[in-house]
Amino acid sequence: GGASMAGGVGTIVGAVIGAFIMGVM
């Protein structure tokens, strides 16, 4: 969903979209 391994970057909506990408797959 777009979060960075280094921290400081990412959004709630992005994480939710990432979860649904995994779910759709």
PDBML (XML) file of the C-alpha atoms, coordinates in Angstrom:
<?xml version="1.0" encoding="UTF-8" ?>
<PDBx:datablock datablockName="MODEL"
   xmlns:PDBx="http://pdbml.pdb.org/schema/pdbx-v50.xsd"
   xmlns:xsi="http://www.w3.org/2001/XMLSchema-instance"
   xsi:schemaLocation="http://pdbml.pdb.org/schema/pdbx-v50.xsd pdbx-v50.xsd">
   <PDBx:atom_siteCategory>
      <PDBx:atom_site id="1">
         <PDBx:B_iso_or_equiv>0.00</PDBx:B_iso_or_equiv>
         <PDBx:Cartn_x>0.000</PDBx:Cartn_x>
         <PDBx:Cartn_y>0.000</PDBx:Cartn_y>
         <PDBx:Cartn_z>0.000</PDBx:Cartn_z>
         <PDBx:auth_asym_id>A</PDBx:auth_asym_id>
         <PDBx:auth_atom_id>CA</PDBx:auth_atom_id>
         <PDBx:auth_comp_id>GLY</PDBx:auth_comp_id>
         <PDBx:auth_seq_id>1</PDBx:auth_seq_id>
         <PDBx:group_PDB>ATOM</PDBx:group_PDB>
         <PDBx:label_alt_id xsi:nil="true" />
         <PDBx:label_asym_id>A</PDBx:label_asym_id>
         <PDBx:label_atom_id>CA</PDBx:label_atom_id>
         <PDBx:label_comp_id>GLY</PDBx:label_comp_id>
         <PDBx:label_entity_id>1</PDBx:label_entity_id>
         <PDBx:label_seq_id>1</PDBx:label_seq_id>
         <PDBx:occupancy>1.00</PDBx:occupancy>
         <PDBx:pdbx_PDB_model_num>1</PDBx:pdbx_PDB_model_num>
         <PDBx:type_symbol>C</PDBx:type_symbol>
      </PDBx:atom_site>
      <PDBx:atom_site id="2">
         <PDBx:B_iso_or_equiv>0.00</PDBx:B_iso_or_equiv>
         <PDBx:Cartn_x>2.956</PDBx:Cartn_x>
         <PDBx:Cartn_y>2.364</PDBx:Cartn_y>
         <PDBx:Cartn_z>-0.257</PDBx:Cartn_z>
         <PDBx:auth_asym_id>A</PDBx:auth_asym_id>
         <PDBx:auth_atom_id>CA</PDBx:auth_atom_id>
         <PDBx:auth_comp_id>GLY</PDBx:auth_comp_id>
         <PDBx:auth_seq_id>2</PDBx:auth_seq_id>
         <PDBx:group_PDB>ATOM</PDBx:group_PDB>
         <PDBx:label_alt_id xsi:nil="true" />
         <PDBx:label_asym_id>A</PDBx:label_asym_id>
         <PDBx:label_atom_id>CA</PDBx:label_atom_id>
         <PDBx:label_comp_id>GLY</PDBx:label_comp_id>
         <PDBx:label_entity_id>1</PDBx:label_entity_id>
         <PDBx:label_seq_id>2</PDBx:label_seq_id>
         <PDBx:occupancy>1.00</PDBx:occupancy>
         <PDBx:pdbx_PDB_model_num>1</PDBx:pdbx_PDB_model_num>
         <PDBx:type_symbol>C</PDBx:type_symbol>
      </PDBx:atom_site>
      <PDBx:atom_site id="3">
         <PDBx:B_iso_or_equiv>0.00</PDBx:B_iso_or_equiv>
         <PDBx:Cartn_x>4.529</PDBx:Cartn_x>
         <PDBx:Cartn_y>2.440</PDBx:Cartn_y>
         <PDBx:Cartn_z>3.220</PDBx:Cartn_z>
         <PDBx:auth_asym_id>A</PDBx:auth_asym_id>
         <PDBx:auth_atom_id>CA</PDBx:auth_atom_id>
         <PDBx:auth_comp_id>ALA</PDBx:auth_comp_id>
         <PDBx:auth_seq_id>3</PDBx:auth_seq_id>
         <PDBx:group_PDB>ATOM</PDBx:group_PDB>
         <PDBx:label_alt_id xsi:nil="true" />
         <PDBx:label_asym_id>A</PDBx:label_asym_id>
         <PDBx:label_atom_id>CA</PDBx:label_atom_id>
         <PDBx:label_comp_id>ALA</PDBx:label_comp_id>
         <PDBx:label_entity_id>1</PDBx:label_entity_id>
         <PDBx:label_seq_id>3</PDBx:label_seq_id>
         <PDBx:occupancy>1.00</PDBx:occupancy>
         <PDBx:pdbx_PDB_model_num>1</PDBx:pdbx_PDB_model_num>
         <PDBx:type_symbol>C</PDBx:type_symbol>
      </PDBx:atom_site>
      <PDBx:atom_site id="4">
         <PDBx:B_iso_or_equiv>0.00</PDBx:B_iso_or_equiv>
         <PDBx:Cartn_x>8.294</PDBx:Cartn_x>
         <PDBx:Cartn_y>2.810</PDBx:Cartn_y>
         <PDBx:Cartn_z>3.396</PDBx:Cartn_z>
         <PDBx:auth_asym_id>A</PDBx:auth_asym_id>
         <PDBx:auth_atom_id>CA</PDBx:auth_atom_id>
         <PDBx:auth_comp_id>SER</PDBx:auth_comp_id>
         <PDBx:auth_seq_id>4</PDBx:auth_seq_id>
         <PDBx:group_PDB>ATOM</PDBx:group_PDB>
         <PDBx:label_alt_id xsi:nil="true" />
         <PDBx:label_asym_id>A</PDBx:label_asym_id>
         <PDBx:label_atom_id>CA</PDBx:label_atom_id>
         <PDBx:label_comp_id>SER</PDBx:label_comp_id>
         <PDBx:label_entity_id>1</PDBx:label_entity_id>
         <PDBx:label_seq_id>4</PDBx:label_seq_id>
         <PDBx:occupancy>1.00</PDBx:occupancy>
         <PDBx:pdbx_PDB_model_num>1</PDBx:pdbx_PDB_model_num>
         <PDBx:type_symbol>C</PDBx:type_symbol>
      </PDBx:atom_site>
      <PDBx:atom_site id="5">
         <PDBx:B_iso_or_equiv>0.00</PDBx:B_iso_or_equiv>
         <PDBx:Cartn_x>10.606</PDBx:Cartn_x>
         <PDBx:Cartn_y>0.423</PDBx:Cartn_y>
         <PDBx:Cartn_z>5.235</PDBx:Cartn_z>
         <PDBx:auth_asym_id>A</PDBx:auth_asym_id>
         <PDBx:auth_atom_id>CA</PDBx:auth_atom_id>
         <PDBx:auth_comp_id>MET</PDBx:auth_comp_id>
         <PDBx:auth_seq_id>5</PDBx:auth_seq_id>
         <PDBx:group_PDB>ATOM</PDBx:group_PDB>
         <PDBx:label_alt_id xsi:nil="true" />
         <PDBx:label_asym_id>A</PDBx:label_asym_id>
         <PDBx:label_atom_id>CA</PDBx:label_atom_id>
         <PDBx:label_comp_id>MET</PDBx:label_comp_id>
         <PDBx:label_entity_id>1</PDBx:label_entity_id>
         <PDBx:label_seq_id>5</PDBx:label_seq_id>
         <PDBx:occupancy>1.00</PDBx:occupancy>
         <PDBx:pdbx_PDB_model_num>1</PDBx:pdbx_PDB_model_num>
         <PDBx:type_symbol>C</PDBx:type_symbol>
      </PDBx:atom_site>
      <PDBx:atom_site id="6">
         <PDBx:B_iso_or_equiv>0.00</PDBx:B_iso_or_equiv>
         <PDBx:Cartn_x>12.470</PDBx:Cartn_x>
         <PDBx:Cartn_y>3.435</PDBx:Cartn_y>
         <PDBx:Cartn_z>6.619</PDBx:Cartn_z>
         <PDBx:auth_asym_id>A</PDBx:auth_asym_id>
         <PDBx:auth_atom_id>CA</PDBx:auth_atom_id>
         <PDBx:auth_comp_id>ALA</PDBx:auth_comp_id>
         <PDBx:auth_seq_id>6</PDBx:auth_seq_id>
         <PDBx:group_PDB>ATOM</PDBx:group_PDB>
         <PDBx:label_alt_id xsi:nil="true" />
         <PDBx:label_asym_id>A</PDBx:label_asym_id>
         <PDBx:label_atom_id>CA</PDBx:label_atom_id>
         <PDBx:label_comp_id>ALA</PDBx:label_comp_id>
         <PDBx:label_entity_id>1</PDBx:label_entity_id>
         <PDBx:label_seq_id>6</PDBx:label_seq_id>
         <PDBx:occupancy>1.00</PDBx:occupancy>
         <PDBx:pdbx_PDB_model_num>1</PDBx:pdbx_PDB_model_num>
         <PDBx:type_symbol>C</PDBx:type_symbol>
      </PDBx:atom_site>
      <PDBx:atom_site id="7">
         <PDBx:B_iso_or_equiv>0.00</PDBx:B_iso_or_equiv>
         <PDBx:Cartn_x>9.327</PDBx:Cartn_x>
         <PDBx:Cartn_y>4.873</PDBx:Cartn_y>
         <PDBx:Cartn_z>8.245</PDBx:Cartn_z>
         <PDBx:auth_asym_id>A</PDBx:auth_asym_id>
         <PDBx:auth_atom_id>CA</PDBx:auth_atom_id>
         <PDBx:auth_comp_id>GLY</PDBx:auth_comp_id>
         <PDBx:auth_seq_id>7</PDBx:auth_seq_id>
         <PDBx:group_PDB>ATOM</PDBx:group_PDB>
         <PDBx:label_alt_id xsi:nil="true" />
         <PDBx:label_asym_id>A</PDBx:label_asym_id>
         <PDBx:label_atom_id>CA</PDBx:label_atom_id>
         <PDBx:label_comp_id>GLY</PDBx:label_comp_id>
         <PDBx:label_entity_id>1</PDBx:label_entity_id>
         <PDBx:label_seq_id>7</PDBx:label_seq_id>
         <PDBx:occupancy>1.00</PDBx:occupancy>
         <PDBx:pdbx_PDB_model_num>1</PDBx:pdbx_PDB_model_num>
         <PDBx:type_symbol>C</PDBx:type_symbol>
      </PDBx:atom_site>
      <PDBx:atom_site id="8">
         <PDBx:B_iso_or_equiv>0.00</PDBx:B_iso_or_equiv>
         <PDBx:Cartn_x>7.674</PDBx:Cartn_x>
         <PDBx:Cartn_y>8.262</PDBx:Cartn_y>
         <PDBx:Cartn_z>7.905</PDBx:Cartn_z>
         <PDBx:auth_asym_id>A</PDBx:auth_asym_id>
         <PDBx:auth_atom_id>CA</PDBx:auth_atom_id>
         <PDBx:auth_comp_id>GLY</PDBx:auth_comp_id>
         <PDBx:auth_seq_id>8</PDBx:auth_seq_id>
         <PDBx:group_PDB>ATOM</PDBx:group_PDB>
         <PDBx:label_alt_id xsi:nil="true" />
         <PDBx:label_asym_id>A</PDBx:label_asym_id>
         <PDBx:label_atom_id>CA</PDBx:label_atom_id>
         <PDBx:label_comp_id>GLY</PDBx:label_comp_id>
         <PDBx:label_entity_id>1</PDBx:label_entity_id>
         <PDBx:label_seq_id>8</PDBx:label_seq_id>
         <PDBx:occupancy>1.00</PDBx:occupancy>
         <PDBx:pdbx_PDB_model_num>1</PDBx:pdbx_PDB_model_num>
         <PDBx:type_symbol>C</PDBx:type_symbol>
      </PDBx:atom_site>
      <PDBx:atom_site id="9">
         <PDBx:B_iso_or_equiv>0.00</PDBx:B_iso_or_equiv>
         <PDBx:Cartn_x>5.772</PDBx:Cartn_x>
         <PDBx:Cartn_y>7.395</PDBx:Cartn_y>
         <PDBx:Cartn_z>4.711</PDBx:Cartn_z>
         <PDBx:auth_asym_id>A</PDBx:auth_asym_id>
         <PDBx:auth_atom_id>CA</PDBx:auth_atom_id>
         <PDBx:auth_comp_id>VAL</PDBx:auth_comp_id>
         <PDBx:auth_seq_id>9</PDBx:auth_seq_id>
         <PDBx:group_PDB>ATOM</PDBx:group_PDB>
         <PDBx:label_alt_id xsi:nil="true" />
         <PDBx:label_asym_id>A</PDBx:label_asym_id>
         <PDBx:label_atom_id>CA</PDBx:label_atom_id>
         <PDBx:label_comp_id>VAL</PDBx:label_comp_id>
         <PDBx:label_entity_id>1</PDBx:label_entity_id>
         <PDBx:label_seq_id>9</PDBx:label_seq_id>
         <PDBx:occupancy>1.00</PDBx:occupancy>
         <PDBx:pdbx_PDB_model_num>1</PDBx:pdbx_PDB_model_num>
         <PDBx:type_symbol>C</PDBx:type_symbol>
      </PDBx:atom_site>
      <PDBx:atom_site id="10">
         <PDBx:B_iso_or_equiv>0.00</PDBx:B_iso_or_equiv>
         <PDBx:Cartn_x>2.389</PDBx:Cartn_x>
         <PDBx:Cartn_y>5.765</PDBx:Cartn_y>
         <PDBx:Cartn_z>4.144</PDBx:Cartn_z>
         <PDBx:auth_asym_id>A</PDBx:auth_asym_id>
         <PDBx:auth_atom_id>CA</PDBx:auth_atom_id>
         <PDBx:auth_comp_id>GLY</PDBx:auth_comp_id>
         <PDBx:auth_seq_id>10</PDBx:auth_seq_id>
         <PDBx:group_PDB>ATOM</PDBx:group_PDB>
         <PDBx:label_alt_id xsi:nil="true" />
         <PDBx:label_asym_id>A</PDBx:label_asym_id>
         <PDBx:label_atom_id>CA</PDBx:label_atom_id>
         <PDBx:label_comp_id>GLY</PDBx:label_comp_id>
         <PDBx:label_entity_id>1</PDBx:label_entity_id>
         <PDBx:label_seq_id>10</PDBx:label_seq_id>
         <PDBx:occupancy>1.00</PDBx:occupancy>
         <PDBx:pdbx_PDB_model_num>1</PDBx:pdbx_PDB_model_num>
         <PDBx:type_symbol>C</PDBx:type_symbol>
      </PDBx:atom_site>
      <PDBx:atom_site id="11">
         <PDBx:B_iso_or_equiv>0.00</PDBx:B_iso_or_equiv>
         <PDBx:Cartn_x>-1.343</PDBx:Cartn_x>
         <PDBx:Cartn_y>6.377</PDBx:Cartn_y>
         <PDBx:Cartn_z>4.399</PDBx:Cartn_z>
         <PDBx:auth_asym_id>A</PDBx:auth_asym_id>
         <PDBx:auth_atom_id>CA</PDBx:auth_atom_id>
         <PDBx:auth_comp_id>THR</PDBx:auth_comp_id>
         <PDBx:auth_seq_id>11</PDBx:auth_seq_id>
         <PDBx:group_PDB>ATOM</PDBx:group_PDB>
         <PDBx:label_alt_id xsi:nil="true" />
         <PDBx:label_asym_id>A</PDBx:label_asym_id>
         <PDBx:label_atom_id>CA</PDBx:label_atom_id>
         <PDBx:label_comp_id>THR</PDBx:label_comp_id>
         <PDBx:label_entity_id>1</PDBx:label_entity_id>
         <PDBx:label_seq_id>11</PDBx:label_seq_id>
         <PDBx:occupancy>1.00</PDBx:occupancy>
         <PDBx:pdbx_PDB_model_num>1</PDBx:pdbx_PDB_model_num>
         <PDBx:type_symbol>C</PDBx:type_symbol>
      </PDBx:atom_site>
      <PDBx:atom_site id="12">
         <PDBx:B_iso_or_equiv>0.00</PDBx:B_iso_or_equiv>
         <PDBx:Cartn_x>-4.265</PDBx:Cartn_x>
         <PDBx:Cartn_y>4.577</PDBx:Cartn_y>
         <PDBx:Cartn_z>6.002</PDBx:Cartn_z>
         <PDBx:auth_asym_id>A</PDBx:auth_asym_id>
         <PDBx:auth_atom_id>CA</PDBx:auth_atom_id>
         <PDBx:auth_comp_id>ILE</PDBx:auth_comp_id>
         <PDBx:auth_seq_id>12</PDBx:auth_seq_id>
         <PDBx:group_PDB>ATOM</PDBx:group_PDB>
         <PDBx:label_alt_id xsi:nil="true" />
         <PDBx:label_asym_id>A</PDBx:label_asym_id>
         <PDBx:label_atom_id>CA</PDBx:label_atom_id>
         <PDBx:label_comp_id>ILE</PDBx:label_comp_id>
         <PDBx:label_entity_id>1</PDBx:label_entity_id>
         <PDBx:label_seq_id>12</PDBx:label_seq_id>
         <PDBx:occupancy>1.00</PDBx:occupancy>
         <PDBx:pdbx_PDB_model_num>1</PDBx:pdbx_PDB_model_num>
         <PDBx:type_symbol>C</PDBx:type_symbol>
      </PDBx:atom_site>
      <PDBx:atom_site id="13">
         <PDBx:B_iso_or_equiv>0.00</PDBx:B_iso_or_equiv>
         <PDBx:Cartn_x>-6.116</PDBx:Cartn_x>
         <PDBx:Cartn_y>4.419</PDBx:Cartn_y>
         <PDBx:Cartn_z>2.680</PDBx:Cartn_z>
         <PDBx:auth_asym_id>A</PDBx:auth_asym_id>
         <PDBx:auth_atom_id>CA</PDBx:auth_atom_id>
         <PDBx:auth_comp_id>VAL</PDBx:auth_comp_id>
         <PDBx:auth_seq_id>13</PDBx:auth_seq_id>
         <PDBx:group_PDB>ATOM</PDBx:group_PDB>
         <PDBx:label_alt_id xsi:nil="true" />
         <PDBx:label_asym_id>A</PDBx:label_asym_id>
         <PDBx:label_atom_id>CA</PDBx:label_atom_id>
         <PDBx:label_comp_id>VAL</PDBx:label_comp_id>
         <PDBx:label_entity_id>1</PDBx:label_entity_id>
         <PDBx:label_seq_id>13</PDBx:label_seq_id>
         <PDBx:occupancy>1.00</PDBx:occupancy>
         <PDBx:pdbx_PDB_model_num>1</PDBx:pdbx_PDB_model_num>
         <PDBx:type_symbol>C</PDBx:type_symbol>
      </PDBx:atom_site>
      <PDBx:atom_site id="14">
         <PDBx:B_iso_or_equiv>0.00</PDBx:B_iso_or_equiv>
         <PDBx:Cartn_x>-2.996</PDBx:Cartn_x>
         <PDBx:Cartn_y>3.033</PDBx:Cartn_y>
         <PDBx:Cartn_z>0.996</PDBx:Cartn_z>
         <PDBx:auth_asym_id>A</PDBx:auth_asym_id>
         <PDBx:auth_atom_id>CA</PDBx:auth_atom_id>
         <PDBx:auth_comp_id>GLY</PDBx:auth_comp_id>
         <PDBx:auth_seq_id>14</PDBx:auth_seq_id>
         <PDBx:group_PDB>ATOM</PDBx:group_PDB>
         <PDBx:label_alt_id xsi:nil="true" />
         <PDBx:label_asym_id>A</PDBx:label_asym_id>
         <PDBx:label_atom_id>CA</PDBx:label_atom_id>
         <PDBx:label_comp_id>GLY</PDBx:label_comp_id>
         <PDBx:label_entity_id>1</PDBx:label_entity_id>
         <PDBx:label_seq_id>14</PDBx:label_seq_id>
         <PDBx:occupancy>1.00</PDBx:occupancy>
         <PDBx:pdbx_PDB_model_num>1</PDBx:pdbx_PDB_model_num>
         <PDBx:type_symbol>C</PDBx:type_symbol>
      </PDBx:atom_site>
      <PDBx:atom_site id="15">
         <PDBx:B_iso_or_equiv>0.00</PDBx:B_iso_or_equiv>
         <PDBx:Cartn_x>-2.735</PDBx:Cartn_x>
         <PDBx:Cartn_y>0.250</PDBx:Cartn_y>
         <PDBx:Cartn_z>3.579</PDBx:Cartn_z>
         <PDBx:auth_asym_id>A</PDBx:auth_asym_id>
         <PDBx:auth_atom_id>CA</PDBx:auth_atom_id>
         <PDBx:auth_comp_id>ALA</PDBx:auth_comp_id>
         <PDBx:auth_seq_id>15</PDBx:auth_seq_id>
         <PDBx:group_PDB>ATOM</PDBx:group_PDB>
         <PDBx:label_alt_id xsi:nil="true" />
         <PDBx:label_asym_id>A</PDBx:label_asym_id>
         <PDBx:label_atom_id>CA</PDBx:label_atom_id>
         <PDBx:label_comp_id>ALA</PDBx:label_comp_id>
         <PDBx:label_entity_id>1</PDBx:label_entity_id>
         <PDBx:label_seq_id>15</PDBx:label_seq_id>
         <PDBx:occupancy>1.00</PDBx:occupancy>
         <PDBx:pdbx_PDB_model_num>1</PDBx:pdbx_PDB_model_num>
         <PDBx:type_symbol>C</PDBx:type_symbol>
      </PDBx:atom_site>
      <PDBx:atom_site id="16">
         <PDBx:B_iso_or_equiv>0.00</PDBx:B_iso_or_equiv>
         <PDBx:Cartn_x>-6.409</PDBx:Cartn_x>
         <PDBx:Cartn_y>-0.612</PDBx:Cartn_y>
         <PDBx:Cartn_z>3.056</PDBx:Cartn_z>
         <PDBx:auth_asym_id>A</PDBx:auth_asym_id>
         <PDBx:auth_atom_id>CA</PDBx:auth_atom_id>
         <PDBx:auth_comp_id>VAL</PDBx:auth_comp_id>
         <PDBx:auth_seq_id>16</PDBx:auth_seq_id>
         <PDBx:group_PDB>ATOM</PDBx:group_PDB>
         <PDBx:label_alt_id xsi:nil="true" />
         <PDBx:label_asym_id>A</PDBx:label_asym_id>
         <PDBx:label_atom_id>CA</PDBx:label_atom_id>
         <PDBx:label_comp_id>VAL</PDBx:label_comp_id>
         <PDBx:label_entity_id>1</PDBx:label_entity_id>
         <PDBx:label_seq_id>16</PDBx:label_seq_id>
         <PDBx:occupancy>1.00</PDBx:occupancy>
         <PDBx:pdbx_PDB_model_num>1</PDBx:pdbx_PDB_model_num>
         <PDBx:type_symbol>C</PDBx:type_symbol>
      </PDBx:atom_site>
      <PDBx:atom_site id="17">
         <PDBx:B_iso_or_equiv>0.00</PDBx:B_iso_or_equiv>
         <PDBx:Cartn_x>-5.909</PDBx:Cartn_x>
         <PDBx:Cartn_y>-0.692</PDBx:Cartn_y>
         <PDBx:Cartn_z>-0.726</PDBx:Cartn_z>
         <PDBx:auth_asym_id>A</PDBx:auth_asym_id>
         <PDBx:auth_atom_id>CA</PDBx:auth_atom_id>
         <PDBx:auth_comp_id>ILE</PDBx:auth_comp_id>
         <PDBx:auth_seq_id>17</PDBx:auth_seq_id>
         <PDBx:group_PDB>ATOM</PDBx:group_PDB>
         <PDBx:label_alt_id xsi:nil="true" />
         <PDBx:label_asym_id>A</PDBx:label_asym_id>
         <PDBx:label_atom_id>CA</PDBx:label_atom_id>
         <PDBx:label_comp_id>ILE</PDBx:label_comp_id>
         <PDBx:label_entity_id>1</PDBx:label_entity_id>
         <PDBx:label_seq_id>17</PDBx:label_seq_id>
         <PDBx:occupancy>1.00</PDBx:occupancy>
         <PDBx:pdbx_PDB_model_num>1</PDBx:pdbx_PDB_model_num>
         <PDBx:type_symbol>C</PDBx:type_symbol>
      </PDBx:atom_site>
      <PDBx:atom_site id="18">
         <PDBx:B_iso_or_equiv>0.00</PDBx:B_iso_or_equiv>
         <PDBx:Cartn_x>-2.894</PDBx:Cartn_x>
         <PDBx:Cartn_y>-2.953</PDBx:Cartn_y>
         <PDBx:Cartn_z>-0.181</PDBx:Cartn_z>
         <PDBx:auth_asym_id>A</PDBx:auth_asym_id>
         <PDBx:auth_atom_id>CA</PDBx:auth_atom_id>
         <PDBx:auth_comp_id>GLY</PDBx:auth_comp_id>
         <PDBx:auth_seq_id>18</PDBx:auth_seq_id>
         <PDBx:group_PDB>ATOM</PDBx:group_PDB>
         <PDBx:label_alt_id xsi:nil="true" />
         <PDBx:label_asym_id>A</PDBx:label_asym_id>
         <PDBx:label_atom_id>CA</PDBx:label_atom_id>
         <PDBx:label_comp_id>GLY</PDBx:label_comp_id>
         <PDBx:label_entity_id>1</PDBx:label_entity_id>
         <PDBx:label_seq_id>18</PDBx:label_seq_id>
         <PDBx:occupancy>1.00</PDBx:occupancy>
         <PDBx:pdbx_PDB_model_num>1</PDBx:pdbx_PDB_model_num>
         <PDBx:type_symbol>C</PDBx:type_symbol>
      </PDBx:atom_site>
      <PDBx:atom_site id="19">
         <PDBx:B_iso_or_equiv>0.00</PDBx:B_iso_or_equiv>
         <PDBx:Cartn_x>-5.030</PDBx:Cartn_x>
         <PDBx:Cartn_y>-5.271</PDBx:Cartn_y>
         <PDBx:Cartn_z>1.946</PDBx:Cartn_z>
         <PDBx:auth_asym_id>A</PDBx:auth_asym_id>
         <PDBx:auth_atom_id>CA</PDBx:auth_atom_id>
         <PDBx:auth_comp_id>ALA</PDBx:auth_comp_id>
         <PDBx:auth_seq_id>19</PDBx:auth_seq_id>
         <PDBx:group_PDB>ATOM</PDBx:group_PDB>
         <PDBx:label_alt_id xsi:nil="true" />
         <PDBx:label_asym_id>A</PDBx:label_asym_id>
         <PDBx:label_atom_id>CA</PDBx:label_atom_id>
         <PDBx:label_comp_id>ALA</PDBx:label_comp_id>
         <PDBx:label_entity_id>1</PDBx:label_entity_id>
         <PDBx:label_seq_id>19</PDBx:label_seq_id>
         <PDBx:occupancy>1.00</PDBx:occupancy>
         <PDBx:pdbx_PDB_model_num>1</PDBx:pdbx_PDB_model_num>
         <PDBx:type_symbol>C</PDBx:type_symbol>
      </PDBx:atom_site>
      <PDBx:atom_site id="20">
         <PDBx:B_iso_or_equiv>0.00</PDBx:B_iso_or_equiv>
         <PDBx:Cartn_x>-7.662</PDBx:Cartn_x>
         <PDBx:Cartn_y>-5.489</PDBx:Cartn_y>
         <PDBx:Cartn_z>-0.770</PDBx:Cartn_z>
         <PDBx:auth_asym_id>A</PDBx:auth_asym_id>
         <PDBx:auth_atom_id>CA</PDBx:auth_atom_id>
         <PDBx:auth_comp_id>PHE</PDBx:auth_comp_id>
         <PDBx:auth_seq_id>20</PDBx:auth_seq_id>
         <PDBx:group_PDB>ATOM</PDBx:group_PDB>
         <PDBx:label_alt_id xsi:nil="true" />
         <PDBx:label_asym_id>A</PDBx:label_asym_id>
         <PDBx:label_atom_id>CA</PDBx:label_atom_id>
         <PDBx:label_comp_id>PHE</PDBx:label_comp_id>
         <PDBx:label_entity_id>1</PDBx:label_entity_id>
         <PDBx:label_seq_id>20</PDBx:label_seq_id>
         <PDBx:occupancy>1.00</PDBx:occupancy>
         <PDBx:pdbx_PDB_model_num>1</PDBx:pdbx_PDB_model_num>
         <PDBx:type_symbol>C</PDBx:type_symbol>
      </PDBx:atom_site>
      <PDBx:atom_site id="21">
         <PDBx:B_iso_or_equiv>0.00</PDBx:B_iso_or_equiv>
         <PDBx:Cartn_x>-4.996</PDBx:Cartn_x>
         <PDBx:Cartn_y>-6.119</PDBx:Cartn_y>
         <PDBx:Cartn_z>-3.412</PDBx:Cartn_z>
         <PDBx:auth_asym_id>A</PDBx:auth_asym_id>
         <PDBx:auth_atom_id>CA</PDBx:auth_atom_id>
         <PDBx:auth_comp_id>ILE</PDBx:auth_comp_id>
         <PDBx:auth_seq_id>21</PDBx:auth_seq_id>
         <PDBx:group_PDB>ATOM</PDBx:group_PDB>
         <PDBx:label_alt_id xsi:nil="true" />
         <PDBx:label_asym_id>A</PDBx:label_asym_id>
         <PDBx:label_atom_id>CA</PDBx:label_atom_id>
         <PDBx:label_comp_id>ILE</PDBx:label_comp_id>
         <PDBx:label_entity_id>1</PDBx:label_entity_id>
         <PDBx:label_seq_id>21</PDBx:label_seq_id>
         <PDBx:occupancy>1.00</PDBx:occupancy>
         <PDBx:pdbx_PDB_model_num>1</PDBx:pdbx_PDB_model_num>
         <PDBx:type_symbol>C</PDBx:type_symbol>
      </PDBx:atom_site>
      <PDBx:atom_site id="22">
         <PDBx:B_iso_or_equiv>0.00</PDBx:B_iso_or_equiv>
         <PDBx:Cartn_x>-3.904</PDBx:Cartn_x>
         <PDBx:Cartn_y>-9.131</PDBx:Cartn_y>
         <PDBx:Cartn_z>-1.361</PDBx:Cartn_z>
         <PDBx:auth_asym_id>A</PDBx:auth_asym_id>
         <PDBx:auth_atom_id>CA</PDBx:auth_atom_id>
         <PDBx:auth_comp_id>MET</PDBx:auth_comp_id>
         <PDBx:auth_seq_id>22</PDBx:auth_seq_id>
         <PDBx:group_PDB>ATOM</PDBx:group_PDB>
         <PDBx:label_alt_id xsi:nil="true" />
         <PDBx:label_asym_id>A</PDBx:label_asym_id>
         <PDBx:label_atom_id>CA</PDBx:label_atom_id>
         <PDBx:label_comp_id>MET</PDBx:label_comp_id>
         <PDBx:label_entity_id>1</PDBx:label_entity_id>
         <PDBx:label_seq_id>22</PDBx:label_seq_id>
         <PDBx:occupancy>1.00</PDBx:occupancy>
         <PDBx:pdbx_PDB_model_num>1</PDBx:pdbx_PDB_model_num>
         <PDBx:type_symbol>C</PDBx:type_symbol>
      </PDBx:atom_site>
      <PDBx:atom_site id="23">
         <PDBx:B_iso_or_equiv>0.00</PDBx:B_iso_or_equiv>
         <PDBx:Cartn_x>-7.539</PDBx:Cartn_x>
         <PDBx:Cartn_y>-10.157</PDBx:Cartn_y>
         <PDBx:Cartn_z>-0.890</PDBx:Cartn_z>
         <PDBx:auth_asym_id>A</PDBx:auth_asym_id>
         <PDBx:auth_atom_id>CA</PDBx:auth_atom_id>
         <PDBx:auth_comp_id>GLY</PDBx:auth_comp_id>
         <PDBx:auth_seq_id>23</PDBx:auth_seq_id>
         <PDBx:group_PDB>ATOM</PDBx:group_PDB>
         <PDBx:label_alt_id xsi:nil="true" />
         <PDBx:label_asym_id>A</PDBx:label_asym_id>
         <PDBx:label_atom_id>CA</PDBx:label_atom_id>
         <PDBx:label_comp_id>GLY</PDBx:label_comp_id>
         <PDBx:label_entity_id>1</PDBx:label_entity_id>
         <PDBx:label_seq_id>23</PDBx:label_seq_id>
         <PDBx:occupancy>1.00</PDBx:occupancy>
         <PDBx:pdbx_PDB_model_num>1</PDBx:pdbx_PDB_model_num>
         <PDBx:type_symbol>C</PDBx:type_symbol>
      </PDBx:atom_site>
      <PDBx:atom_site id="24">
         <PDBx:B_iso_or_equiv>0.00</PDBx:B_iso_or_equiv>
         <PDBx:Cartn_x>-8.429</PDBx:Cartn_x>
         <PDBx:Cartn_y>-9.845</PDBx:Cartn_y>
         <PDBx:Cartn_z>-4.577</PDBx:Cartn_z>
         <PDBx:auth_asym_id>A</PDBx:auth_asym_id>
         <PDBx:auth_atom_id>CA</PDBx:auth_atom_id>
         <PDBx:auth_comp_id>VAL</PDBx:auth_comp_id>
         <PDBx:auth_seq_id>24</PDBx:auth_seq_id>
         <PDBx:group_PDB>ATOM</PDBx:group_PDB>
         <PDBx:label_alt_id xsi:nil="true" />
         <PDBx:label_asym_id>A</PDBx:label_asym_id>
         <PDBx:label_atom_id>CA</PDBx:label_atom_id>
         <PDBx:label_comp_id>VAL</PDBx:label_comp_id>
         <PDBx:label_entity_id>1</PDBx:label_entity_id>
         <PDBx:label_seq_id>24</PDBx:label_seq_id>
         <PDBx:occupancy>1.00</PDBx:occupancy>
         <PDBx:pdbx_PDB_model_num>1</PDBx:pdbx_PDB_model_num>
         <PDBx:type_symbol>C</PDBx:type_symbol>
      </PDBx:atom_site>
      <PDBx:atom_site id="25">
         <PDBx:B_iso_or_equiv>0.00</PDBx:B_iso_or_equiv>
         <PDBx:Cartn_x>-5.348</PDBx:Cartn_x>
         <PDBx:Cartn_y>-11.853</PDBx:Cartn_y>
         <PDBx:Cartn_z>-5.506</PDBx:Cartn_z>
         <PDBx:auth_asym_id>A</PDBx:auth_asym_id>
         <PDBx:auth_atom_id>CA</PDBx:auth_atom_id>
         <PDBx:auth_comp_id>MET</PDBx:auth_comp_id>
         <PDBx:auth_seq_id>25</PDBx:auth_seq_id>
         <PDBx:group_PDB>ATOM</PDBx:group_PDB>
         <PDBx:label_alt_id xsi:nil="true" />
         <PDBx:label_asym_id>A</PDBx:label_asym_id>
         <PDBx:label_atom_id>CA</PDBx:label_atom_id>
         <PDBx:label_comp_id>MET</PDBx:label_comp_id>
         <PDBx:label_entity_id>1</PDBx:label_entity_id>
         <PDBx:label_seq_id>25</PDBx:label_seq_id>
         <PDBx:occupancy>1.00</PDBx:occupancy>
         <PDBx:pdbx_PDB_model_num>1</PDBx:pdbx_PDB_model_num>
         <PDBx:type_symbol>C</PDBx:type_symbol>
      </PDBx:atom_site>
   </PDBx:atom_siteCategory>
</PDBx:datablock>
